[in-house]
Amino acid sequence: RLQKLKEMFISKFGSAPKFYARAPGRVNLIGEHIDYCGYAVLPMAIEQDILIAVEPVQTQVVQLANTNSSYLDFSTSVNNIQINKTKPQWHNYFLCGLKGIQEHFGLNNPTGMNCLLDGTIPPSSGLSSSSALVCCAGLVTLRANGKTLSKVELAEICTKSERYIGTEGGGMDQSISFLAEEGTAKLIEFSPLRATDVRLPSGATFVIANSCVEMNKAATSHYNIRVMECRLATKLLSKSKGLEWRKMLRLHDVQTKLGVSLEEMLTIVEEVLHPEPYSAEEICKCLGISLEELHSQILSQNMQDVSTFKLYQRAKHVYSEAARVLEFQKICSEAPANALQLLGELMKQSHISCREMYECSCPELDRLVDICLQFGAIGSRLTGAGWGGCTVSMVPTDKLNTFLKNVRKAYYQMDGQRLAVENNSLFATKPGRGALVFVEA
């Protein structure tokens, strides 16, 4: 693959690349939609990645090309980075990483670059192809400008810079992309960012299956509405407990300030919030503010037209999912005899909560989870933002081949479109290593 990339680079730019950077995609084993609420998550890097061949150049121009001809070439002056939020195209994610590093160091005349990108992560599949591209671009810009940063600093810069495209992400994708190590999943905690090894039990393999429903979280509002609903739930819970609600942004902050357990937070949600959707007017009444203040101070620009918010369901999902992550880690470290069954149960509960409380599944994902469980998965759930993309299943290693054969038949071979992409859509994966820069020997 590297040789092929080098040859294509030479034929495209007329000279050889000076270095390469790679950043992996990821699969989140448990802990969906809770990183932006401040809670720990449990992902692992996958072997699929974004790989970029780079040649720094004297001109202040960045030229981007892709080995996949459906992604068009792009070039821009490094001193005039414009990121289009309305219809994000592949090069905009590169520009996020580039701009993040430029701004961090205050680079006035950054180095120009010729870059050729090759990606093996299926796009819009919930395996973080976009964040891997942002991370890889950050790494490339860092190296081309002769700067250094720790992996933690890089992850934090790339998390912030991906927001230029309008996605209010929480930092899981960028953190695992940089901090991953081969052979281990990671518990990733935030503020401050840290990663702890989680040894997965032997005897099971994780299998990713793509529903073939594409979901681009920067191009749809589902994702950002959930972020906002969690923020509003934070404000209402804080107000009801006499906390300084204006300063509270994340559900984790409420738990920390109250000094109670996740179980107790679930009881508080039951007491304070009602399951019926809240109107903007009711939220204002609860907080004692005007509609004008809600729109100008709390709701983000792209949320101004949303009229109802489900706060009870979103908070319930977040607090219960946060507890499942810690339970998952505990089972992995204690390794009881029935560890696989216990982990499988947590994955199933996670999917039900994503489907019913967070409403981020879709009929195809639900069907795929059912098929995976029917053919021997011990646990299965959607992974990534949802509304399409992939499932992750834990399968006994000795049943892996039969499992793959049956799922192929039941989900992919029934449908011509799915059959066409089947080879990249169903695969077993092991925890891979994090992002790195390398020069050919």
Protein backbone atom coordinates (compact mmCIF):
# COMPACT_ATOMS: atom_id res chain seq x y z
CA ARG A 1 0.00 0.00 0.00
CA LEU A 2 2.83 2.40 0.87
CA GLN A 3 4.65 1.63 -2.37
CA LYS A 4 1.46 2.24 -4.38
CA LEU A 5 0.86 5.52 -2.54
CA LYS A 6 4.43 6.64 -3.26
CA GLU A 7 4.11 5.84 -6.97
CA MET A 8 0.82 7.73 -7.23
CA PHE A 9 2.37 10.68 -5.36
CA ILE A 10 5.31 10.85 -7.79
CA SER A 11 3.03 10.72 -10.83
CA LYS A 12 0.78 13.41 -9.31
CA PHE A 13 3.34 15.89 -7.96
CA GLY A 14 6.51 14.97 -9.91
CA SER A 15 8.63 14.25 -6.82
CA ALA A 16 8.71 11.77 -3.94
CA PRO A 17 7.04 12.27 -0.55
CA LYS A 18 9.37 13.21 2.34
CA PHE A 19 7.30 11.52 5.08
CA TYR A 20 4.02 9.73 5.81
CA ALA A 21 1.47 10.03 8.62
CA ARG A 22 -1.28 7.65 9.62
CA ALA A 23 -4.22 7.92 12.03
CA PRO A 24 -6.56 5.00 12.77
CA GLY A 25 -10.34 4.84 12.89
CA ARG A 26 -11.94 3.56 16.05
CA VAL A 27 -14.77 1.44 17.35
CA ASN A 28 -16.41 2.39 20.61
CA LEU A 29 -17.09 -0.78 22.60
CA ILE A 30 -19.36 0.99 25.09
CA GLY A 31 -20.13 4.57 26.11
CA GLU A 32 -22.10 6.20 23.32
CA HIS A 33 -22.89 9.93 23.30
CA ILE A 34 -21.43 10.56 26.75
CA ASP A 35 -17.97 12.00 26.00
CA TYR A 36 -19.43 15.46 25.34
CA CYS A 37 -21.26 15.17 28.68
CA GLY A 38 -17.88 14.75 30.40
CA TYR A 39 -18.00 10.97 30.96
CA ALA A 40 -15.39 8.30 30.29
CA VAL A 41 -15.72 6.07 27.21
CA LEU A 42 -14.19 2.75 26.18
CA PRO A 43 -13.01 2.65 22.55
CA MET A 44 -10.23 0.84 20.70
CA ALA A 45 -8.42 1.80 17.52
CA ILE A 46 -9.09 -0.40 14.49
CA GLU A 47 -6.61 -1.45 11.83
CA GLN A 48 -8.32 0.68 9.13
CA ASP A 49 -6.79 4.13 8.87
CA ILE A 50 -6.11 7.37 7.01
CA LEU A 51 -2.62 7.45 5.48
CA ILE A 52 -1.14 10.64 4.01
CA ALA A 53 2.04 11.00 1.94
CA VAL A 54 3.54 14.48 2.34
CA GLU A 55 6.12 16.74 0.73
CA PRO A 56 6.67 20.16 2.35
CA VAL A 57 7.11 22.83 -0.37
CA GLN A 58 8.47 26.39 -0.58
CA THR A 59 5.24 27.95 -1.85
CA GLN A 60 2.55 28.76 0.70
CA VAL A 61 0.03 26.49 -0.92
CA VAL A 62 -1.46 23.24 0.30
CA GLN A 63 -2.36 20.85 -2.49
CA LEU A 64 -4.57 17.91 -1.50
CA ALA A 65 -5.29 14.86 -3.60
CA ASN A 66 -7.01 11.55 -2.80
CA THR A 67 -6.33 8.06 -4.15
CA ASN A 68 -10.11 7.68 -4.41
CA SER A 69 -11.10 9.57 -7.57
CA SER A 70 -14.58 10.37 -6.24
CA TYR A 71 -12.89 12.85 -3.85
CA LEU A 72 -11.82 15.86 -5.90
CA ASP A 73 -8.42 17.57 -5.69
CA PHE A 74 -8.25 20.77 -3.69
CA SER A 75 -5.69 23.52 -3.17
CA THR A 76 -5.61 26.65 -1.04
CA SER A 77 -3.23 29.26 0.34
CA VAL A 78 -2.10 28.28 3.85
CA ASN A 79 -2.70 31.88 4.96
CA ASN A 80 -6.35 31.88 3.99
CA ILE A 81 -8.06 28.78 5.38
CA GLN A 82 -11.83 28.79 4.75
CA ILE A 83 -13.82 25.88 6.22
CA ASN A 84 -17.25 25.29 4.73
CA LYS A 85 -19.73 24.15 7.40
CA THR A 86 -22.82 23.97 5.23
CA LYS A 87 -21.73 21.14 2.92
CA PRO A 88 -18.61 19.64 4.45
CA GLN A 89 -16.39 17.94 1.86
CA TRP A 90 -13.42 15.74 2.58
CA HIS A 91 -10.81 18.52 2.32
CA ASN A 92 -12.60 20.59 4.99
CA TYR A 93 -11.68 17.96 7.60
CA PHE A 94 -8.03 18.23 6.55
CA LEU A 95 -8.26 22.02 6.88
CA CYS A 96 -9.60 21.65 10.45
CA GLY A 97 -6.43 19.82 11.53
CA LEU A 98 -4.22 22.27 9.63
CA LYS A 99 -5.92 25.32 11.15
CA GLY A 100 -5.83 23.86 14.68
CA ILE A 101 -2.03 23.52 14.59
CA GLN A 102 -1.55 26.91 12.89
CA GLU A 103 -3.61 28.66 15.55
CA HIS A 104 -2.02 26.79 18.45
CA PHE A 105 1.46 27.95 17.47
CA GLY A 106 0.38 31.26 15.93
CA LEU A 107 2.16 30.33 12.68
CA ASN A 108 2.29 33.39 10.42
CA ASN A 109 3.84 31.82 7.37
CA PRO A 110 3.20 28.09 7.66
CA THR A 111 4.89 25.65 5.30
CA GLY A 112 3.06 24.71 2.10
CA MET A 113 2.55 21.00 1.38
CA ASN A 114 1.68 18.52 -1.30
CA CYS A 115 -0.41 15.74 0.22
CA LEU A 116 -1.86 12.52 -1.16
CA LEU A 117 -4.38 10.77 1.05
CA ASP A 118 -5.42 7.13 1.12
CA GLY A 119 -8.20 5.93 3.44
CA THR A 120 -9.37 2.43 4.34
CA ILE A 121 -12.04 3.46 6.89
CA PRO A 122 -15.51 3.22 5.30
CA PRO A 123 -16.84 6.82 5.20
CA SER A 124 -19.98 7.85 7.16
CA SER A 125 -19.94 4.50 8.94
CA GLY A 126 -19.50 5.63 12.55
CA LEU A 127 -15.87 4.45 12.64
CA SER A 128 -14.49 7.98 12.82
CA SER A 129 -13.07 8.45 9.34
CA SER A 130 -13.55 12.22 9.65
CA SER A 131 -11.77 12.51 13.03
CA ALA A 132 -8.94 10.27 11.78
CA LEU A 133 -8.51 12.68 8.87
CA VAL A 134 -8.48 15.73 11.21
CA CYS A 135 -5.88 14.00 13.43
CA CYS A 136 -3.74 12.93 10.50
CA ALA A 137 -3.83 16.48 9.09
CA GLY A 138 -2.82 17.89 12.48
CA LEU A 139 0.10 15.48 12.65
CA VAL A 140 1.19 16.29 9.09
CA THR A 141 1.08 20.06 9.73
CA LEU A 142 3.01 19.67 12.98
CA ARG A 143 5.78 17.68 11.29
CA ALA A 144 5.98 19.87 8.16
CA ASN A 145 6.44 22.96 10.35
CA GLY A 146 9.08 21.34 12.55
CA LYS A 147 7.03 21.55 15.75
CA THR A 148 6.44 18.98 18.51
CA LEU A 149 3.57 18.28 20.91
CA SER A 150 2.62 15.43 23.22
CA LYS A 151 -0.08 13.00 22.08
CA VAL A 152 -2.45 14.38 24.71
CA GLU A 153 -1.92 17.97 23.48
CA LEU A 154 -2.45 16.85 19.89
CA ALA A 155 -5.69 15.06 20.82
CA GLU A 156 -6.98 18.16 22.61
CA ILE A 157 -6.10 20.49 19.72
CA CYS A 158 -7.70 18.18 17.13
CA THR A 159 -10.85 17.85 19.26
CA LYS A 160 -11.25 21.63 19.34
CA SER A 161 -10.37 22.10 15.69
CA GLU A 162 -12.93 19.56 14.43
CA ARG A 163 -15.57 21.93 15.82
CA TYR A 164 -14.69 24.34 12.97
CA ILE A 165 -16.86 22.08 10.83
CA GLY A 166 -19.82 22.45 13.20
CA THR A 167 -19.74 19.11 15.04
CA GLU A 168 -19.91 19.52 18.84
CA GLY A 169 -17.90 16.36 19.54
CA GLY A 170 -16.59 15.39 22.94
CA GLY A 171 -13.05 14.23 22.19
CA MET A 172 -13.26 10.43 22.24
CA ASP A 173 -12.40 9.96 18.56
CA GLN A 174 -9.34 12.18 18.53
CA SER A 175 -8.08 10.82 21.87
CA ILE A 176 -8.16 7.17 20.86
CA SER A 177 -6.66 8.03 17.47
CA PHE A 178 -3.55 9.40 19.20
CA LEU A 179 -3.43 7.40 22.46
CA ALA A 180 -4.29 3.90 21.19
CA GLU A 181 -1.82 1.06 21.67
CA GLU A 182 -1.80 -2.26 19.90
CA GLY A 183 -3.53 -5.09 21.75
CA THR A 184 -5.53 -3.05 24.26
CA ALA A 185 -8.73 -1.03 24.41
CA LYS A 186 -8.62 2.19 26.46
CA LEU A 187 -10.74 3.79 29.12
CA ILE A 188 -10.55 7.45 28.13
CA GLU A 189 -11.37 10.06 30.74
CA PHE A 190 -11.66 13.80 30.19
CA SER A 191 -10.64 17.02 31.98
CA PRO A 192 -7.80 16.21 32.28
CA LEU A 193 -7.51 13.82 29.35
CA ARG A 194 -6.05 10.43 30.30
CA ALA A 195 -6.14 6.90 28.96
CA THR A 196 -5.97 3.62 30.90
CA ASP A 197 -5.38 0.20 29.32
CA VAL A 198 -8.36 -2.16 29.33
CA ARG A 199 -7.38 -5.75 28.58
CA LEU A 200 -10.24 -7.43 26.76
CA PRO A 201 -10.96 -11.02 27.81
CA SER A 202 -9.56 -13.80 25.64
CA GLY A 203 -11.96 -16.12 23.86
CA ALA A 204 -13.91 -13.41 22.07
CA THR A 205 -13.38 -11.36 18.92
CA PHE A 206 -14.98 -8.02 18.08
CA VAL A 207 -16.74 -7.87 14.73
CA ILE A 208 -17.79 -4.70 12.95
CA ALA A 209 -20.76 -4.81 10.59
CA ASN A 210 -21.78 -1.81 8.49
CA SER A 211 -25.53 -1.23 8.16
CA CYS A 212 -24.77 0.50 4.80
CA VAL A 213 -26.88 3.46 5.92
CA GLU A 214 -24.61 6.50 5.71
CA MET A 215 -24.69 9.12 8.43
CA ASN A 216 -22.68 12.32 8.21
CA LYS A 217 -22.92 13.97 11.62
CA ALA A 218 -21.63 17.34 10.41
CA ALA A 219 -24.33 17.48 7.74
CA THR A 220 -27.34 16.58 9.92
CA SER A 221 -28.70 18.22 13.05
CA HIS A 222 -29.58 15.01 15.00
CA TYR A 223 -26.20 14.95 16.69
CA ASN A 224 -26.07 18.61 17.72
CA ILE A 225 -29.69 18.50 18.98
CA ARG A 226 -28.68 15.70 21.38
CA VAL A 227 -25.72 17.77 22.60
CA MET A 228 -28.10 20.67 23.26
CA GLU A 229 -30.73 18.48 24.98
CA CYS A 230 -28.02 17.23 27.37
CA ARG A 231 -26.98 20.83 28.06
CA LEU A 232 -30.57 21.86 28.80
CA ALA A 233 -31.07 18.82 31.06
CA THR A 234 -27.90 19.93 32.91
CA LYS A 235 -29.37 23.41 33.46
CA LEU A 236 -32.75 22.15 34.73
CA LEU A 237 -31.22 19.55 37.06
CA SER A 238 -28.77 22.16 38.40
CA LYS A 239 -31.52 24.74 38.99
CA SER A 240 -33.69 22.22 40.83
CA LYS A 241 -30.79 21.47 43.20
CA GLY A 242 -29.91 25.09 43.87
CA LEU A 243 -26.62 24.98 41.92
CA GLU A 244 -25.29 27.85 39.78
CA TRP A 245 -27.04 26.56 36.69
CA ARG A 246 -25.76 29.25 34.33
CA LYS A 247 -22.22 27.93 34.77
CA MET A 248 -23.14 24.25 34.34
CA LEU A 249 -22.63 22.83 30.86
CA ARG A 250 -22.34 19.05 31.18
CA LEU A 251 -24.29 16.34 32.97
CA HIS A 252 -21.05 15.20 34.61
CA ASP A 253 -20.73 18.65 36.28
CA VAL A 254 -24.05 18.13 38.09
CA GLN A 255 -22.94 14.80 39.51
CA THR A 256 -19.56 16.22 40.58
CA LYS A 257 -21.10 19.29 42.26
CA LEU A 258 -23.68 17.19 44.11
CA GLY A 259 -21.07 14.57 45.04
CA VAL A 260 -23.44 11.65 44.42
CA SER A 261 -23.21 8.33 42.54
CA LEU A 262 -24.48 7.67 39.02
CA GLU A 263 -27.30 5.58 40.53
CA GLU A 264 -28.35 8.56 42.66
CA MET A 265 -28.25 10.81 39.59
CA LEU A 266 -30.71 8.46 37.87
CA THR A 267 -33.08 8.86 40.85
CA ILE A 268 -32.73 12.65 40.66
CA VAL A 269 -33.59 12.55 36.94
CA GLU A 270 -36.78 10.61 37.81
CA GLU A 271 -37.70 13.19 40.47
CA VAL A 272 -36.91 16.37 38.55
CA LEU A 273 -37.59 15.76 34.85
CA HIS A 274 -40.74 14.48 33.15
CA PRO A 275 -40.75 12.04 30.20
CA GLU A 276 -42.93 14.29 27.99
CA PRO A 277 -40.94 16.59 25.68
CA TYR A 278 -40.29 20.12 26.97
CA SER A 279 -41.26 23.15 24.91
CA ALA A 280 -38.91 26.14 24.76
CA GLU A 281 -41.48 28.09 26.81
CA GLU A 282 -41.53 25.47 29.58
CA ILE A 283 -37.71 25.44 29.74
CA CYS A 284 -37.76 29.24 30.14
CA LYS A 285 -40.34 28.96 32.91
CA CYS A 286 -38.25 26.34 34.77
CA LEU A 287 -35.11 28.49 34.51
CA GLY A 288 -36.86 31.82 35.06
CA ILE A 289 -35.53 33.36 31.84
CA SER A 290 -37.04 34.91 28.70
CA LEU A 291 -37.27 33.17 25.32
CA GLU A 292 -34.90 35.83 24.03
CA GLU A 293 -32.31 34.81 26.64
CA LEU A 294 -32.76 31.10 25.85
CA HIS A 295 -32.12 31.78 22.16
CA SER A 296 -29.22 34.17 22.60
CA GLN A 297 -27.44 32.69 25.64
CA ILE A 298 -28.06 28.93 25.59
CA LEU A 299 -29.17 27.55 22.22
CA SER A 300 -26.43 27.44 19.60
CA GLN A 301 -26.86 29.13 16.22
CA ASN A 302 -28.05 25.99 14.42
CA MET A 303 -30.60 25.11 17.14
CA GLN A 304 -32.76 28.23 16.92
CA ASP A 305 -35.63 26.49 15.09
CA VAL A 306 -35.93 23.44 17.37
CA SER A 307 -39.17 23.71 19.35
CA THR A 308 -39.25 20.63 21.63
CA PHE A 309 -36.58 18.89 23.67
CA LYS A 310 -36.47 15.46 25.31
CA LEU A 311 -34.51 16.01 28.49
CA TYR A 312 -35.56 13.09 30.72
CA GLN A 313 -34.68 10.43 28.13
CA ARG A 314 -31.31 11.96 27.21
CA ALA A 315 -30.19 12.37 30.84
CA LYS A 316 -31.30 8.83 31.69
CA HIS A 317 -29.28 7.43 28.81
CA VAL A 318 -26.14 9.41 29.73
CA TYR A 319 -26.07 8.48 33.43
CA SER A 320 -26.90 4.80 32.82
CA GLU A 321 -24.40 4.53 29.94
CA ALA A 322 -21.67 6.17 32.07
CA ALA A 323 -22.31 3.48 34.72
CA ARG A 324 -22.10 0.72 32.07
CA VAL A 325 -18.67 1.96 30.96
CA LEU A 326 -17.28 1.70 34.51
CA GLU A 327 -18.88 -1.73 34.95
CA PHE A 328 -17.36 -2.90 31.63
CA GLN A 329 -13.89 -1.79 32.78
CA LYS A 330 -14.36 -3.47 36.17
CA ILE A 331 -15.34 -6.80 34.58
CA CYS A 332 -12.31 -6.67 32.26
CA SER A 333 -9.93 -6.03 35.16
CA GLU A 334 -11.44 -8.63 37.52
CA ALA A 335 -11.94 -11.22 34.73
CA PRO A 336 -14.56 -13.44 36.42
CA ALA A 337 -15.36 -16.82 34.81
CA ASN A 338 -18.54 -15.43 33.20
CA ALA A 339 -16.86 -12.18 32.01
CA LEU A 340 -17.97 -12.58 28.39
CA GLN A 341 -21.63 -13.04 29.35
CA LEU A 342 -21.53 -10.00 31.64
CA LEU A 343 -19.89 -7.80 28.99
CA GLY A 344 -22.35 -9.03 26.37
CA GLU A 345 -25.24 -8.07 28.64
CA LEU A 346 -23.85 -4.53 29.04
CA MET A 347 -23.52 -4.17 25.25
CA LYS A 348 -27.15 -5.26 24.78
CA GLN A 349 -28.37 -2.81 27.45
CA SER A 350 -26.36 -0.05 25.79
CA HIS A 351 -28.05 -0.68 22.45
CA ILE A 352 -31.53 -0.66 24.00
CA SER A 353 -30.77 2.66 25.71
CA CYS A 354 -29.38 4.16 22.46
CA ARG A 355 -32.51 2.99 20.63
CA GLU A 356 -35.17 3.97 23.18
CA MET A 357 -33.75 6.75 25.34
CA TYR A 358 -31.33 8.47 22.98
CA GLU A 359 -33.18 7.59 19.77
CA CYS A 360 -29.97 7.43 17.75
CA SER A 361 -30.52 4.03 16.14
CA CYS A 362 -32.39 3.26 12.91
CA PRO A 363 -34.37 0.21 11.64
CA GLU A 364 -31.35 -1.20 9.77
CA LEU A 365 -29.08 -1.00 12.83
CA ASP A 366 -31.74 -2.68 15.00
CA ARG A 367 -32.15 -5.41 12.42
CA LEU A 368 -28.38 -5.94 12.19
CA VAL A 369 -28.03 -6.17 15.99
CA ASP A 370 -30.84 -8.78 16.04
CA ILE A 371 -29.17 -10.81 13.27
CA CYS A 372 -25.80 -10.71 15.06
CA LEU A 373 -27.34 -11.88 18.34
CA GLN A 374 -29.34 -14.55 16.53
CA PHE A 375 -26.17 -16.00 14.97
CA GLY A 376 -24.13 -16.26 18.14
CA ALA A 377 -22.87 -12.82 19.20
CA ILE A 378 -22.66 -12.61 23.00
CA GLY A 379 -23.35 -8.88 22.79
CA SER A 380 -24.07 -6.42 19.98
CA ARG A 381 -24.78 -2.71 19.74
CA LEU A 382 -24.60 0.29 17.44
CA THR A 383 -21.28 2.12 17.58
CA GLY A 384 -20.46 5.71 16.67
CA ALA A 385 -23.04 8.48 16.49
CA GLY A 386 -25.76 6.13 15.19
CA TRP A 387 -28.58 6.93 12.73
CA GLY A 388 -26.70 4.59 10.38
CA GLY A 389 -23.13 3.38 10.34
CA CYS A 390 -21.95 0.24 12.12
CA THR A 391 -22.64 -2.25 14.85
CA VAL A 392 -19.97 -3.90 17.01
CA SER A 393 -20.51 -7.46 18.23
CA MET A 394 -18.57 -9.65 20.63
CA VAL A 395 -18.33 -13.14 19.17
CA PRO A 396 -16.77 -16.31 20.65
CA THR A 397 -13.55 -16.74 18.64
CA ASP A 398 -14.25 -20.42 17.96
CA LYS A 399 -17.58 -19.49 16.31
CA LEU A 400 -16.24 -16.58 14.29
CA ASN A 401 -16.26 -18.14 10.81
CA THR A 402 -19.80 -19.51 11.08
CA PHE A 403 -20.94 -16.17 12.49
CA LEU A 404 -19.47 -14.20 9.56
CA LYS A 405 -20.96 -16.61 7.04
CA ASN A 406 -24.46 -16.41 8.56
CA VAL A 407 -24.49 -12.63 8.96
CA ARG A 408 -23.27 -12.23 5.39
CA LYS A 409 -26.12 -14.35 4.16
CA ALA A 410 -28.83 -12.82 6.36
CA TYR A 411 -27.98 -9.13 5.99
CA TYR A 412 -25.81 -8.53 2.92
CA GLN A 413 -26.75 -11.14 0.36
CA MET A 414 -30.43 -10.23 0.52
CA ASP A 415 -29.77 -6.79 -0.92
CA GLY A 416 -27.93 -5.86 -4.14
CA GLN A 417 -26.59 -2.54 -2.84
CA ARG A 418 -25.27 -4.10 0.36
CA LEU A 419 -23.80 -7.02 -1.55
CA ALA A 420 -21.69 -4.61 -3.62
CA VAL A 421 -19.90 -3.26 -0.53
CA GLU A 422 -20.00 -6.43 1.54
CA ASN A 423 -16.22 -7.00 1.59
CA ASN A 424 -15.54 -3.73 3.43
CA SER A 425 -18.67 -4.00 5.53
CA LEU A 426 -18.14 -7.02 7.76
CA PHE A 427 -14.83 -7.71 9.46
CA ALA A 428 -13.24 -8.87 12.69
CA THR A 429 -10.85 -6.42 14.29
CA LYS A 430 -8.22 -6.31 17.02
CA PRO A 431 -7.15 -3.25 19.02
CA GLY A 432 -4.72 -1.36 16.75
CA ARG A 433 -2.04 1.26 17.45
CA GLY A 434 -2.39 5.03 17.47
CA ALA A 435 -1.38 7.77 15.04
CA LEU A 436 2.24 8.16 14.00
CA VAL A 437 4.60 9.79 11.51
CA PHE A 438 7.20 7.73 9.68
CA VAL A 439 9.84 8.18 7.03
CA GLU A 440 10.70 5.38 4.64
CA ALA A 441 13.93 3.60 5.56
